[in-house]
Amino acid sequence: MSRLLAIAVLYTLMFLAWSGVGLFMVISPARFANLVHDSFGLFPETGATDWGKKLIVRLMGMVLLGFAMHFALAVTELVRQGG
């Protein structure tokens, strides 16, 4: 029983992490892009008028939310099948 609970907790944490990051990207794209800039330096800093970067970050956030939804539905289907 404890192994089953550990797996359930792991899948729940994975789903919540992907959903949380996806929502953060959709709600606040400039802040997320600047966080990535400050942490990794992958692209220039995002300003208030950089609508293209914000749009790309929002689209990536929506894709991440879609992936989290697909993950949750796949796990639910696996549980319904019994293993």
N, C-alpha and C. Protein backbone atom coordinates (compact mmCIF):
# COMPACT_ATOMS: atom_id res chain seq x y z
N MET A 1 0.81 -1.20 0.00
CA MET A 1 0.00 0.00 0.00
C MET A 1 0.86 1.26 0.00
N SER A 2 1.96 1.25 0.72
CA SER A 2 2.80 2.45 0.78
C SER A 2 3.49 2.72 -0.55
N ARG A 3 3.80 1.67 -1.33
CA ARG A 3 4.39 1.89 -2.65
C ARG A 3 3.39 2.54 -3.59
N LEU A 4 2.13 2.09 -3.50
CA LEU A 4 1.08 2.68 -4.32
C LEU A 4 0.87 4.14 -3.96
N LEU A 5 0.91 4.45 -2.69
CA LEU A 5 0.76 5.83 -2.23
C LEU A 5 1.94 6.68 -2.70
N ALA A 6 3.13 6.13 -2.67
CA ALA A 6 4.31 6.88 -3.13
C ALA A 6 4.21 7.20 -4.62
N ILE A 7 3.73 6.26 -5.41
CA ILE A 7 3.56 6.50 -6.85
C ILE A 7 2.48 7.55 -7.09
N ALA A 8 1.39 7.46 -6.34
CA ALA A 8 0.30 8.44 -6.49
C ALA A 8 0.79 9.84 -6.11
N VAL A 9 1.56 9.95 -5.05
CA VAL A 9 2.10 11.25 -4.65
C VAL A 9 3.06 11.78 -5.70
N LEU A 10 3.89 10.93 -6.27
CA LEU A 10 4.83 11.34 -7.31
C LEU A 10 4.09 11.88 -8.53
N TYR A 11 3.08 11.16 -9.01
CA TYR A 11 2.31 11.61 -10.16
C TYR A 11 1.56 12.90 -9.86
N THR A 12 1.05 13.04 -8.65
CA THR A 12 0.35 14.26 -8.27
C THR A 12 1.30 15.45 -8.26
N LEU A 13 2.48 15.27 -7.71
CA LEU A 13 3.47 16.35 -7.69
C LEU A 13 3.92 16.73 -9.09
N MET A 14 4.10 15.74 -9.95
CA MET A 14 4.48 16.04 -11.34
C MET A 14 3.39 16.86 -12.03
N PHE A 15 2.14 16.45 -11.86
CA PHE A 15 1.03 17.17 -12.48
C PHE A 15 0.93 18.60 -11.94
N LEU A 16 1.05 18.76 -10.62
CA LEU A 16 0.96 20.09 -10.04
C LEU A 16 2.12 20.99 -10.47
N ALA A 17 3.31 20.42 -10.62
CA ALA A 17 4.46 21.21 -11.07
C ALA A 17 4.27 21.69 -12.51
N TRP A 18 3.88 20.79 -13.41
CA TRP A 18 3.66 21.20 -14.80
C TRP A 18 2.52 22.20 -14.91
N SER A 19 1.47 21.99 -14.16
CA SER A 19 0.33 22.92 -14.19
C SER A 19 0.73 24.28 -13.62
N GLY A 20 1.47 24.27 -12.53
CA GLY A 20 1.89 25.53 -11.91
C GLY A 20 2.81 26.35 -12.81
N VAL A 21 3.77 25.70 -13.42
CA VAL A 21 4.67 26.42 -14.32
C VAL A 21 3.91 26.90 -15.55
N GLY A 22 3.02 26.08 -16.09
CA GLY A 22 2.23 26.48 -17.24
C GLY A 22 1.35 27.68 -16.93
N LEU A 23 0.69 27.68 -15.77
CA LEU A 23 -0.13 28.82 -15.38
C LEU A 23 0.71 30.07 -15.16
N PHE A 24 1.87 29.92 -14.57
CA PHE A 24 2.77 31.06 -14.37
C PHE A 24 3.19 31.64 -15.72
N MET A 25 3.44 30.79 -16.71
CA MET A 25 3.82 31.27 -18.04
C MET A 25 2.66 31.98 -18.73
N VAL A 26 1.44 31.51 -18.54
CA VAL A 26 0.29 32.12 -19.19
C VAL A 26 -0.10 33.44 -18.50
N ILE A 27 -0.09 33.45 -17.17
CA ILE A 27 -0.54 34.63 -16.43
C ILE A 27 0.49 35.75 -16.45
N SER A 28 1.76 35.41 -16.29
CA SER A 28 2.80 36.44 -16.19
C SER A 28 3.99 36.09 -17.11
N PRO A 29 3.84 36.26 -18.42
CA PRO A 29 4.90 35.84 -19.34
C PRO A 29 6.17 36.68 -19.22
N ALA A 30 6.05 37.98 -18.97
CA ALA A 30 7.25 38.81 -18.87
C ALA A 30 8.06 38.43 -17.64
N ARG A 31 7.38 38.21 -16.52
CA ARG A 31 8.10 37.83 -15.29
C ARG A 31 8.78 36.47 -15.46
N PHE A 32 8.08 35.51 -16.10
CA PHE A 32 8.69 34.20 -16.32
C PHE A 32 9.90 34.32 -17.24
N ALA A 33 9.76 35.09 -18.33
CA ALA A 33 10.88 35.24 -19.27
C ALA A 33 12.07 35.91 -18.59
N ASN A 34 11.82 36.91 -17.76
CA ASN A 34 12.93 37.55 -17.05
C ASN A 34 13.53 36.64 -15.99
N LEU A 35 12.73 35.77 -15.40
CA LEU A 35 13.26 34.78 -14.46
C LEU A 35 14.21 33.82 -15.17
N VAL A 36 13.81 33.37 -16.35
CA VAL A 36 14.68 32.49 -17.14
C VAL A 36 15.93 33.25 -17.58
N HIS A 37 15.76 34.53 -17.94
CA HIS A 37 16.92 35.34 -18.34
C HIS A 37 17.90 35.49 -17.18
N ASP A 38 17.38 35.79 -16.01
CA ASP A 38 18.27 35.97 -14.85
C ASP A 38 18.92 34.67 -14.40
N SER A 39 18.22 33.57 -14.56
CA SER A 39 18.75 32.29 -14.10
C SER A 39 19.74 31.68 -15.09
N PHE A 40 19.40 31.70 -16.38
CA PHE A 40 20.20 30.99 -17.38
C PHE A 40 20.81 31.88 -18.45
N GLY A 41 20.29 33.07 -18.64
CA GLY A 41 20.82 33.97 -19.65
C GLY A 41 20.60 33.48 -21.07
N LEU A 42 19.46 32.83 -21.32
CA LEU A 42 19.22 32.23 -22.63
C LEU A 42 18.85 33.26 -23.69
N PHE A 43 18.15 34.32 -23.32
CA PHE A 43 17.73 35.33 -24.27
C PHE A 43 17.71 36.68 -23.57
N PRO A 44 17.62 37.77 -24.33
CA PRO A 44 17.65 39.10 -23.70
C PRO A 44 16.48 39.33 -22.75
N GLU A 45 16.62 40.32 -21.92
CA GLU A 45 15.58 40.66 -20.95
C GLU A 45 14.31 41.09 -21.67
N THR A 46 13.17 40.72 -21.13
CA THR A 46 11.87 41.04 -21.73
C THR A 46 11.35 42.33 -21.13
N GLY A 47 11.04 43.30 -22.01
CA GLY A 47 10.51 44.58 -21.57
C GLY A 47 9.00 44.63 -21.67
N ALA A 48 8.45 45.79 -21.35
CA ALA A 48 7.00 45.96 -21.36
C ALA A 48 6.43 45.95 -22.78
N THR A 49 7.23 46.30 -23.77
CA THR A 49 6.73 46.38 -25.15
C THR A 49 7.09 45.16 -25.99
N ASP A 50 7.70 44.15 -25.42
CA ASP A 50 8.10 42.95 -26.17
C ASP A 50 6.92 41.98 -26.27
N TRP A 51 5.95 42.30 -27.11
CA TRP A 51 4.74 41.48 -27.20
C TRP A 51 5.03 40.15 -27.87
N GLY A 52 6.02 40.06 -28.73
CA GLY A 52 6.35 38.80 -29.41
C GLY A 52 6.88 37.75 -28.44
N LYS A 53 7.79 38.18 -27.57
CA LYS A 53 8.34 37.25 -26.57
C LYS A 53 7.24 36.79 -25.62
N LYS A 54 6.39 37.73 -25.21
CA LYS A 54 5.30 37.38 -24.29
C LYS A 54 4.34 36.39 -24.94
N LEU A 55 4.07 36.59 -26.22
CA LEU A 55 3.18 35.67 -26.94
C LEU A 55 3.77 34.28 -27.02
N ILE A 56 5.06 34.19 -27.31
CA ILE A 56 5.72 32.89 -27.41
C ILE A 56 5.71 32.19 -26.04
N VAL A 57 5.98 32.94 -24.98
CA VAL A 57 5.98 32.35 -23.63
C VAL A 57 4.57 31.88 -23.27
N ARG A 58 3.55 32.68 -23.61
CA ARG A 58 2.17 32.26 -23.33
C ARG A 58 1.80 31.00 -24.10
N LEU A 59 2.22 30.93 -25.36
CA LEU A 59 1.93 29.73 -26.15
C LEU A 59 2.63 28.51 -25.57
N MET A 60 3.87 28.67 -25.14
CA MET A 60 4.57 27.55 -24.51
C MET A 60 3.89 27.14 -23.21
N GLY A 61 3.35 28.11 -22.47
CA GLY A 61 2.62 27.80 -21.25
C GLY A 61 1.34 27.03 -21.53
N MET A 62 0.65 27.39 -22.61
CA MET A 62 -0.56 26.67 -22.98
C MET A 62 -0.23 25.24 -23.42
N VAL A 63 0.88 25.08 -24.12
CA VAL A 63 1.31 23.73 -24.51
C VAL A 63 1.65 22.91 -23.27
N LEU A 64 2.30 23.52 -22.30
CA LEU A 64 2.63 22.82 -21.06
C LEU A 64 1.37 22.43 -20.29
N LEU A 65 0.37 23.30 -20.26
CA LEU A 65 -0.89 22.96 -19.62
C LEU A 65 -1.59 21.81 -20.37
N GLY A 66 -1.52 21.83 -21.69
CA GLY A 66 -2.09 20.73 -22.48
C GLY A 66 -1.38 19.42 -22.20
N PHE A 67 -0.07 19.48 -22.06
CA PHE A 67 0.69 18.27 -21.73
C PHE A 67 0.31 17.74 -20.35
N ALA A 68 0.13 18.65 -19.38
CA ALA A 68 -0.27 18.22 -18.04
C ALA A 68 -1.65 17.58 -18.07
N MET A 69 -2.55 18.14 -18.87
CA MET A 69 -3.89 17.56 -18.99
C MET A 69 -3.83 16.18 -19.63
N HIS A 70 -3.02 16.05 -20.68
CA HIS A 70 -2.87 14.75 -21.33
C HIS A 70 -2.27 13.73 -20.37
N PHE A 71 -1.29 14.15 -19.58
CA PHE A 71 -0.66 13.28 -18.58
C PHE A 71 -1.69 12.80 -17.57
N ALA A 72 -2.52 13.73 -17.07
CA ALA A 72 -3.52 13.36 -16.07
C ALA A 72 -4.55 12.40 -16.66
N LEU A 73 -4.98 12.64 -17.88
CA LEU A 73 -5.95 11.74 -18.51
C LEU A 73 -5.35 10.37 -18.79
N ALA A 74 -4.08 10.32 -19.17
CA ALA A 74 -3.43 9.03 -19.42
C ALA A 74 -3.27 8.23 -18.12
N VAL A 75 -2.92 8.90 -17.04
CA VAL A 75 -2.79 8.20 -15.76
C VAL A 75 -4.16 7.72 -15.29
N THR A 76 -5.19 8.54 -15.48
CA THR A 76 -6.55 8.13 -15.10
C THR A 76 -7.00 6.92 -15.89
N GLU A 77 -6.72 6.91 -17.17
CA GLU A 77 -7.09 5.77 -18.01
C GLU A 77 -6.31 4.51 -17.60
N LEU A 78 -5.06 4.68 -17.24
CA LEU A 78 -4.25 3.54 -16.78
C LEU A 78 -4.80 2.97 -15.48
N VAL A 79 -5.23 3.83 -14.58
CA VAL A 79 -5.79 3.37 -13.32
C VAL A 79 -7.12 2.66 -13.55
N ARG A 80 -7.92 3.17 -14.47
CA ARG A 80 -9.21 2.52 -14.77
C ARG A 80 -9.02 1.13 -15.36
N GLN A 81 -7.96 0.94 -16.13
CA GLN A 81 -7.69 -0.38 -16.72
C GLN A 81 -7.16 -1.35 -15.69
N GLY A 82 -6.69 -0.85 -14.59
CA GLY A 82 -6.22 -1.73 -13.52
C GLY A 82 -4.73 -2.03 -13.58
N GLY A 83 -3.95 -1.14 -14.12
CA GLY A 83 -2.53 -1.40 -14.06
C GLY A 83 -1.86 -0.97 -15.27
